[in-house]
PDB file of N, CA and C in Angstrom:
ATOM      1  N   MET A   1      47.831 131.187 108.654  1.00  0.00           N
ATOM      2  CA  MET A   1      49.174 131.609 108.305  1.00  0.00           C
ATOM      3  C   MET A   1      50.015 130.373 107.984  1.00  0.00           C
ATOM      4  N   ASP A   2      50.777 130.457 106.920  1.00  0.00           N
ATOM      5  CA  ASP A   2      51.663 129.359 106.556  1.00  0.00           C
ATOM      6  C   ASP A   2      52.994 129.479 107.286  1.00  0.00           C
ATOM      7  N   PHE A   3      53.483 128.338 107.736  1.00  0.00           N
ATOM      8  CA  PHE A   3      54.803 128.248 108.353  1.00  0.00           C
ATOM      9  C   PHE A   3      55.656 127.360 107.459  1.00  0.00           C
ATOM     10  N   HIS A   4      56.959 127.539 107.549  1.00  0.00           N
ATOM     11  CA  HIS A   4      57.872 126.898 106.620  1.00  0.00           C
ATOM     12  C   HIS A   4      58.668 125.807 107.329  1.00  0.00           C
ATOM     13  N   VAL A   5      58.711 124.644 106.696  1.00  0.00           N
ATOM     14  CA  VAL A   5      59.305 123.449 107.283  1.00  0.00           C
ATOM     15  C   VAL A   5      60.627 123.149 106.564  1.00  0.00           C
ATOM     16  N   PHE A   6      61.678 123.014 107.367  1.00  0.00           N
ATOM     17  CA  PHE A   6      63.005 122.692 106.849  1.00  0.00           C
ATOM     18  C   PHE A   6      63.385 121.307 107.365  1.00  0.00           C
ATOM     19  N   ASP A   7      63.475 120.362 106.450  1.00  0.00           N
ATOM     20  CA  ASP A   7      63.806 118.979 106.768  1.00  0.00           C
ATOM     21  C   ASP A   7      65.299 118.909 107.077  1.00  0.00           C
ATOM     22  N   THR A   8      65.655 118.374 108.250  1.00  0.00           N
ATOM     23  CA  THR A   8      67.037 118.434 108.725  1.00  0.00           C
ATOM     24  C   THR A   8      67.508 117.069 109.196  1.00  0.00           C
ATOM     25  N   TYR A   9      68.700 116.697 108.741  1.00  0.00           N
ATOM     26  CA  TYR A   9      69.363 115.455 109.142  1.00  0.00           C
ATOM     27  C   TYR A   9      70.776 115.802 109.577  1.00  0.00           C
ATOM     28  N   VAL A  10      71.149 115.464 110.811  1.00  0.00           N
ATOM     29  CA  VAL A  10      72.515 115.705 111.291  1.00  0.00           C
ATOM     30  C   VAL A  10      73.037 114.467 112.008  1.00  0.00           C
ATOM     31  N   LYS A  11      74.349 114.340 112.050  1.00  0.00           N
ATOM     32  CA  LYS A  11      75.007 113.257 112.785  1.00  0.00           C
ATOM     33  C   LYS A  11      75.254 113.711 114.216  1.00  0.00           C
ATOM     34  N   SER A  12      74.921 112.851 115.165  1.00  0.00           N
ATOM     35  CA  SER A  12      75.160 113.144 116.575  1.00  0.00           C
ATOM     36  C   SER A  12      76.603 112.787 116.938  1.00  0.00           C
ATOM     37  N   LYS A  13      76.973 113.131 118.179  1.00  0.00           N
ATOM     38  CA  LYS A  13      78.320 112.804 118.667  1.00  0.00           C
ATOM     39  C   LYS A  13      78.626 111.323 118.560  1.00  0.00           C
ATOM     40  N   ASP A  14      77.619 110.489 118.821  1.00  0.00           N
ATOM     41  CA  ASP A  14      77.854 109.046 118.793  1.00  0.00           C
ATOM     42  C   ASP A  14      77.648 108.433 117.404  1.00  0.00           C
ATOM     43  N   GLY A  15      77.446 109.287 116.401  1.00  0.00           N
ATOM     44  CA  GLY A  15      77.417 108.820 115.020  1.00  0.00           C
ATOM     45  C   GLY A  15      76.065 108.453 114.447  1.00  0.00           C
ATOM     46  N   HIS A  16      75.009 108.499 115.262  1.00  0.00           N
ATOM     47  CA  HIS A  16      73.699 108.178 114.681  1.00  0.00           C
ATOM     48  C   HIS A  16      73.072 109.434 114.068  1.00  0.00           C
ATOM     49  N   THR A  17      72.122 109.212 113.186  1.00  0.00           N
ATOM     50  CA  THR A  17      71.473 110.324 112.493  1.00  0.00           C
ATOM     51  C   THR A  17      70.275 110.812 113.287  1.00  0.00           C
ATOM     52  N   MET A  18      70.206 112.115 113.457  1.00  0.00           N
ATOM     53  CA  MET A  18      69.024 112.745 114.053  1.00  0.00           C
ATOM     54  C   MET A  18      68.257 113.421 112.917  1.00  0.00           C
ATOM     55  N   HIS A  19      66.975 113.124 112.834  1.00  0.00           N
ATOM     56  CA  HIS A  19      66.103 113.724 111.831  1.00  0.00           C
ATOM     57  C   HIS A  19      65.072 114.576 112.554  1.00  0.00           C
ATOM     58  N   PHE A  20      65.015 115.852 112.194  1.00  0.00           N
ATOM     59  CA  PHE A  20      64.030 116.753 112.776  1.00  0.00           C
ATOM     60  C   PHE A  20      63.679 117.834 111.771  1.00  0.00           C
ATOM     61  N   ASP A  21      62.525 118.451 111.995  1.00  0.00           N
ATOM     62  CA  ASP A  21      62.105 119.588 111.171  1.00  0.00           C
ATOM     63  C   ASP A  21      62.261 120.861 111.983  1.00  0.00           C
ATOM     64  N   VAL A  22      62.777 121.886 111.323  1.00  0.00           N
ATOM     65  CA  VAL A  22      62.780 123.227 111.887  1.00  0.00           C
ATOM     66  C   VAL A  22      61.592 123.933 111.243  1.00  0.00           C
ATOM     67  N   ILE A  23      60.663 124.409 112.063  1.00  0.00           N
ATOM     68  CA  ILE A  23      59.468 125.089 111.549  1.00  0.00           C
ATOM     69  C   ILE A  23      59.552 126.540 111.990  1.00  0.00           C
ATOM     70  N   THR A  24      59.415 127.459 111.030  1.00  0.00           N
ATOM     71  CA  THR A  24      59.556 128.877 111.322  1.00  0.00           C
ATOM     72  C   THR A  24      58.611 129.700 110.450  1.00  0.00           C
ATOM     73  N   ASP A  25      58.451 130.968 110.792  1.00  0.00           N
ATOM     74  CA  ASP A  25      57.581 131.835 109.998  1.00  0.00           C
ATOM     75  C   ASP A  25      58.325 132.512 108.858  1.00  0.00           C
ATOM     76  N   LYS A  26      59.628 132.326 108.790  1.00  0.00           N
ATOM     77  CA  LYS A  26      60.446 132.927 107.728  1.00  0.00           C
ATOM     78  C   LYS A  26      60.929 131.828 106.788  1.00  0.00           C
ATOM     79  N   LYS A  27      60.808 132.062 105.498  1.00  0.00           N
ATOM     80  CA  LYS A  27      61.280 131.083 104.516  1.00  0.00           C
ATOM     81  C   LYS A  27      62.726 131.416 104.152  1.00  0.00           C
ATOM     82  N   GLU A  28      63.582 131.360 105.174  1.00  0.00           N
ATOM     83  CA  GLU A  28      64.995 131.699 105.014  1.00  0.00           C
ATOM     84  C   GLU A  28      65.838 130.542 105.531  1.00  0.00           C
ATOM     85  N   THR A  29      66.519 129.862 104.627  1.00  0.00           N
ATOM     86  CA  THR A  29      67.293 128.683 105.002  1.00  0.00           C
ATOM     87  C   THR A  29      68.378 129.033 106.015  1.00  0.00           C
ATOM     88  N   GLU A  30      69.049 130.163 105.834  1.00  0.00           N
ATOM     89  CA  GLU A  30      70.123 130.544 106.758  1.00  0.00           C
ATOM     90  C   GLU A  30      69.595 130.678 108.186  1.00  0.00           C
ATOM     91  N   ARG A  31      68.415 131.250 108.324  1.00  0.00           N
ATOM     92  CA  ARG A  31      67.809 131.395 109.650  1.00  0.00           C
ATOM     93  C   ARG A  31      67.425 130.032 110.220  1.00  0.00           C
ATOM     94  N   ALA A  32      66.893 129.156 109.384  1.00  0.00           N
ATOM     95  CA  ALA A  32      66.543 127.804 109.837  1.00  0.00           C
ATOM     96  C   ALA A  32      67.790 127.064 110.320  1.00  0.00           C
ATOM     97  N   ILE A  33      68.905 127.244 109.635  1.00  0.00           N
ATOM     98  CA  ILE A  33      70.161 126.621 110.053  1.00  0.00           C
ATOM     99  C   ILE A  33      70.583 127.151 111.415  1.00  0.00           C
ATOM    100  N   GLU A  34      70.466 128.442 111.626  1.00  0.00           N
ATOM    101  CA  GLU A  34      70.808 129.030 112.931  1.00  0.00           C
ATOM    102  C   GLU A  34      69.905 128.479 114.039  1.00  0.00           C
ATOM    103  N   TYR A  35      68.624 128.337 113.747  1.00  0.00           N
ATOM    104  CA  TYR A  35      67.703 127.760 114.731  1.00  0.00           C
ATOM    105  C   TYR A  35      68.070 126.309 115.027  1.00  0.00           C
ATOM    106  N   ALA A  36      68.432 125.550 113.993  1.00  0.00           N
ATOM    107  CA  ALA A  36      68.843 124.159 114.192  1.00  0.00           C
ATOM    108  C   ALA A  36      70.079 124.106 115.087  1.00  0.00           C
ATOM    109  N   LYS A  37      71.041 124.980 114.827  1.00  0.00           N
ATOM    110  CA  LYS A  37      72.264 125.012 115.639  1.00  0.00           C
ATOM    111  C   LYS A  37      71.950 125.384 117.090  1.00  0.00           C
ATOM    112  N   GLU A  38      71.052 126.342 117.279  1.00  0.00           N
ATOM    113  CA  GLU A  38      70.660 126.753 118.630  1.00  0.00           C
ATOM    114  C   GLU A  38      70.044 125.585 119.389  1.00  0.00           C
ATOM    115  N   TRP A  39      69.139 124.870 118.733  1.00  0.00           N
ATOM    116  CA  TRP A  39      68.500 123.719 119.381  1.00  0.00           C
ATOM    117  C   TRP A  39      69.511 122.619 119.662  1.00  0.00           C
ATOM    118  N   LEU A  40      70.379 122.333 118.695  1.00  0.00           N
ATOM    119  CA  LEU A  40      71.396 121.298 118.888  1.00  0.00           C
ATOM    120  C   LEU A  40      72.302 121.635 120.070  1.00  0.00           C
ATOM    121  N   LYS A  41      72.661 122.889 120.210  1.00  0.00           N
ATOM    122  CA  LYS A  41      73.478 123.315 121.355  1.00  0.00           C
ATOM    123  C   LYS A  41      72.734 123.050 122.658  1.00  0.00           C
ATOM    124  N   SER A  42      71.429 123.288 122.656  1.00  0.00           N
ATOM    125  CA  SER A  42      70.633 123.108 123.880  1.00  0.00           C
ATOM    126  C   SER A  42      70.556 121.644 124.315  1.00  0.00           C
ATOM    127  N   ILE A  43      70.810 120.718 123.394  1.00  0.00           N
ATOM    128  CA  ILE A  43      70.772 119.295 123.742  1.00  0.00           C
ATOM    129  C   ILE A  43      72.175 118.690 123.808  1.00  0.00           C
ATOM    130  N   GLY A  44      73.201 119.558 123.795  1.00  0.00           N
ATOM    131  CA  GLY A  44      74.573 119.076 123.935  1.00  0.00           C
ATOM    132  C   GLY A  44      75.204 118.574 122.654  1.00  0.00           C
ATOM    133  N   GLU A  45      74.646 118.954 121.515  1.00  0.00           N
ATOM    134  CA  GLU A  45      75.174 118.523 120.209  1.00  0.00           C
ATOM    135  C   GLU A  45      75.692 119.733 119.420  1.00  0.00           C
ATOM    136  N   GLU A  46      76.361 120.665 120.126  1.00  0.00           N
ATOM    137  CA  GLU A  46      76.805 121.904 119.487  1.00  0.00           C
ATOM    138  C   GLU A  46      77.816 121.699 118.363  1.00  0.00           C
ATOM    139  N   ASP A  47      78.471 120.543 118.296  1.00  0.00           N
ATOM    140  CA  ASP A  47      79.453 120.285 117.249  1.00  0.00           C
ATOM    141  C   ASP A  47      78.858 119.647 116.003  1.00  0.00           C
ATOM    142  N   ALA A  48      77.555 119.383 116.010  1.00  0.00           N
ATOM    143  CA  ALA A  48      76.911 118.768 114.846  1.00  0.00           C
ATOM    144  C   ALA A  48      76.994 119.709 113.642  1.00  0.00           C
ATOM    145  N   LYS A  49      77.282 119.139 112.496  1.00  0.00           N
ATOM    146  CA  LYS A  49      77.391 119.905 111.246  1.00  0.00           C
ATOM    147  C   LYS A  49      75.998 120.203 110.706  1.00  0.00           C
ATOM    148  N   VAL A  50      75.724 121.498 110.495  1.00  0.00           N
ATOM    149  CA  VAL A  50      74.444 121.911 109.911  1.00  0.00           C
ATOM    150  C   VAL A  50      74.741 122.931 108.821  1.00  0.00           C
ATOM    151  N   THR A  51      74.524 122.520 107.572  1.00  0.00           N
ATOM    152  CA  THR A  51      74.731 123.394 106.414  1.00  0.00           C
ATOM    153  C   THR A  51      73.518 123.262 105.499  1.00  0.00           C
ATOM    154  N   LEU A  52      73.620 123.843 104.314  1.00  0.00           N
ATOM    155  CA  LEU A  52      72.551 123.703 103.313  1.00  0.00           C
ATOM    156  C   LEU A  52      72.341 122.247 102.911  1.00  0.00           C
ATOM    157  N   GLU A  53      73.357 121.412 103.101  1.00  0.00           N
ATOM    158  CA  GLU A  53      73.226 119.987 102.789  1.00  0.00           C
ATOM    159  C   GLU A  53      72.351 119.263 103.811  1.00  0.00           C
ATOM    160  N   GLU A  54      72.432 119.658 105.078  1.00  0.00           N
ATOM    161  CA  GLU A  54      71.705 118.975 106.158  1.00  0.00           C
ATOM    162  C   GLU A  54      70.327 119.573 106.427  1.00  0.00           C
ATOM    163  N   CYS A  55      70.116 120.823 106.066  1.00  0.00           N
ATOM    164  CA  CYS A  55      68.877 121.543 106.400  1.00  0.00           C
ATOM    165  C   CYS A  55      68.314 122.171 105.129  1.00  0.00           C
ATOM    166  N   ARG A  56      67.209 121.608 104.635  1.00  0.00           N
ATOM    167  CA  ARG A  56      66.640 122.075 103.368  1.00  0.00           C
ATOM    168  C   ARG A  56      65.157 122.400 103.509  1.00  0.00           C
ATOM    169  N   PHE A  57      64.750 123.442 102.804  1.00  0.00           N
ATOM    170  CA  PHE A  57      63.328 123.770 102.771  1.00  0.00           C
ATOM    171  C   PHE A  57      62.565 122.588 102.193  1.00  0.00           C
ATOM    172  N   CYS A  58      61.449 122.239 102.836  1.00  0.00           N
ATOM    173  CA  CYS A  58      60.642 121.101 102.399  1.00  0.00           C
ATOM    174  C   CYS A  58      59.279 121.560 101.873  1.00  0.00           C
ATOM    175  N   HIS A  59      58.521 122.266 102.716  1.00  0.00           N
ATOM    176  CA  HIS A  59      57.188 122.711 102.328  1.00  0.00           C
ATOM    177  C   HIS A  59      56.673 123.752 103.328  1.00  0.00           C
ATOM    178  N   SER A  60      55.516 124.318 103.012  1.00  0.00           N
ATOM    179  CA  SER A  60      54.845 125.250 103.920  1.00  0.00           C
ATOM    180  C   SER A  60      53.519 124.632 104.344  1.00  0.00           C
ATOM    181  N   GLN A  61      53.109 124.947 105.586  1.00  0.00           N
ATOM    182  CA  GLN A  61      51.876 124.361 106.101  1.00  0.00           C
ATOM    183  C   GLN A  61      51.328 125.195 107.252  1.00  0.00           C
ATOM    184  N   ASN A  62      50.081 124.929 107.595  1.00  0.00           N
ATOM    185  CA  ASN A  62      49.506 125.464 108.823  1.00  0.00           C
ATOM    186  C   ASN A  62      49.973 124.591 109.975  1.00  0.00           C
ATOM    187  N   VAL A  63      49.993 125.148 111.181  1.00  0.00           N
ATOM    188  CA  VAL A  63      50.409 124.378 112.361  1.00  0.00           C
ATOM    189  C   VAL A  63      49.366 124.555 113.462  1.00  0.00           C
ATOM    190  N   PRO A  64      49.327 123.622 114.418  1.00  0.00           N
ATOM    191  CA  PRO A  64      48.421 123.785 115.559  1.00  0.00           C
ATOM    192  C   PRO A  64      48.776 125.040 116.359  1.00  0.00           C
ATOM    193  N   GLU A  65      47.800 125.534 117.099  1.00  0.00           N
ATOM    194  CA  GLU A  65      47.959 126.787 117.838  1.00  0.00           C
ATOM    195  C   GLU A  65      49.146 126.769 118.797  1.00  0.00           C
ATOM    196  N   GLU A  66      49.367 125.652 119.514  1.00  0.00           N
ATOM    197  CA  GLU A  66      50.469 125.613 120.482  1.00  0.00           C
ATOM    198  C   GLU A  66      51.831 125.735 119.792  1.00  0.00           C
ATOM    199  N   ILE A  67      51.956 125.196 118.576  1.00  0.00           N
ATOM    200  CA  ILE A  67      53.209 125.332 117.823  1.00  0.00           C
ATOM    201  C   ILE A  67      53.344 126.761 117.310  1.00  0.00           C
ATOM    202  N   GLU A  68      52.258 127.345 116.850  1.00  0.00           N
ATOM    203  CA  GLU A  68      52.287 128.732 116.386  1.00  0.00           C
ATOM    204  C   GLU A  68      52.723 129.666 117.514  1.00  0.00           C
ATOM    205  N   ILE A  69      52.221 129.442 118.721  1.00  0.00           N
ATOM    206  CA  ILE A  69      52.612 130.266 119.877  1.00  0.00           C
ATOM    207  C   ILE A  69      54.108 130.126 120.140  1.00  0.00           C
ATOM    208  N   GLU A  70      54.623 128.899 120.089  1.00  0.00           N
ATOM    209  CA  GLU A  70      56.057 128.665 120.287  1.00  0.00           C
ATOM    210  C   GLU A  70      56.884 129.390 119.227  1.00  0.00           C
ATOM    211  N   ILE A  71      56.435 129.350 117.977  1.00  0.00           N
ATOM    212  CA  ILE A  71      57.152 130.032 116.894  1.00  0.00           C
ATOM    213  C   ILE A  71      57.120 131.536 117.110  1.00  0.00           C
ATOM    214  N   MET A  72      55.988 132.069 117.507  1.00  0.00           N
ATOM    215  CA  MET A  72      55.892 133.510 117.732  1.00  0.00           C
ATOM    216  C   MET A  72      56.713 133.956 118.941  1.00  0.00           C
ATOM    217  N   THR A  73      56.925 133.043 119.889  1.00  0.00           N
ATOM    218  CA  THR A  73      57.712 133.360 121.082  1.00  0.00           C
ATOM    219  C   THR A  73      59.205 133.176 120.839  1.00  0.00           C
ATOM    220  N   SER A  74      59.581 132.036 120.270  1.00  0.00           N
ATOM    221  CA  SER A  74      61.000 131.678 120.119  1.00  0.00           C
ATOM    222  C   SER A  74      61.549 131.888 118.715  1.00  0.00           C
ATOM    223  N   GLY A  75      60.675 132.031 117.744  1.00  0.00           N
ATOM    224  CA  GLY A  75      61.114 132.170 116.363  1.00  0.00           C
ATOM    225  C   GLY A  75      61.062 130.864 115.589  1.00  0.00           C
ATOM    226  N   TYR A  76      60.999 129.744 116.321  1.00  0.00           N
ATOM    227  CA  TYR A  76      61.002 128.448 115.648  1.00  0.00           C
ATOM    228  C   TYR A  76      60.416 127.374 116.555  1.00  0.00           C
ATOM    229  N   PHE A  77      60.154 126.223 115.948  1.00  0.00           N
ATOM    230  CA  PHE A  77      59.730 125.030 116.664  1.00  0.00           C
ATOM    231  C   PHE A  77      60.478 123.857 116.059  1.00  0.00           C
ATOM    232  N   ILE A  78      60.943 122.942 116.893  1.00  0.00           N
ATOM    233  CA  ILE A  78      61.612 121.732 116.422  1.00  0.00           C
ATOM    234  C   ILE A  78      60.638 120.568 116.537  1.00  0.00           C
ATOM    235  N   SER A  79      60.383 119.932 115.416  1.00  0.00           N
ATOM    236  CA  SER A  79      59.555 118.730 115.383  1.00  0.00           C
ATOM    237  C   SER A  79      60.511 117.540 115.273  1.00  0.00           C
ATOM    238  N   LYS A  80      60.657 116.805 116.368  1.00  0.00           N
ATOM    239  CA  LYS A  80      61.592 115.672 116.410  1.00  0.00           C
ATOM    240  C   LYS A  80      60.992 114.499 115.652  1.00  0.00           C
ATOM    241  N   MET A  81      61.803 113.919 114.770  1.00  0.00           N
ATOM    242  CA  MET A  81      61.326 112.795 113.953  1.00  0.00           C
ATOM    243  C   MET A  81      61.993 111.492 114.398  1.00  0.00           C
ATOM    244  N   GLU A  82      63.291 111.340 114.113  1.00  0.00           N
ATOM    245  CA  GLU A  82      63.978 110.102 114.420  1.00  0.00           C
ATOM    246  C   GLU A  82      65.336 110.396 115.053  1.00  0.00           C
ATOM    247  N   GLY A  83      65.713 109.603 116.042  1.00  0.00           N
ATOM    248  CA  GLY A  83      67.039 109.690 116.631  1.00  0.00           C
ATOM    249  C   GLY A  83      67.292 110.892 117.517  1.00  0.00           C
ATOM    250  N   CYS A  84      66.240 111.646 117.842  1.00  0.00           N
ATOM    251  CA  CYS A  84      66.387 112.839 118.691  1.00  0.00           C
ATOM    252  C   CYS A  84      66.085 112.490 120.143  1.00  0.00           C
ATOM    253  N   PRO A  85      66.769 113.144 121.073  1.00  0.00           N
ATOM    254  CA  PRO A  85      66.454 112.897 122.479  1.00  0.00           C
ATOM    255  C   PRO A  85      65.059 113.397 122.810  1.00  0.00           C
ATOM    256  N   GLN A  86      64.397 112.698 123.697  1.00  0.00           N
ATOM    257  CA  GLN A  86      63.060 113.106 124.110  1.00  0.00           C
ATOM    258  C   GLN A  86      63.187 114.176 125.119  1.00  0.00           C
TER     259      GLN A  86
END
């Protein structure tokens, strides 16, 4: 099954850029933005700006089983790239 990757860049409270991918089973940018906002809220960055400018469809791919399970459970998976809290 193909999953859809949305490349996302947002500014944190302290001004640095966080780069992460939102991976979901739906190729819907609006839904990916909502998932990004949900995750950002969970890490205390609820004021970060996330629009079509910050979150864009990148590509579709297969994912490892543990990520697929997370997507089927939560609707999405966040792949942290740069500047994200561990």
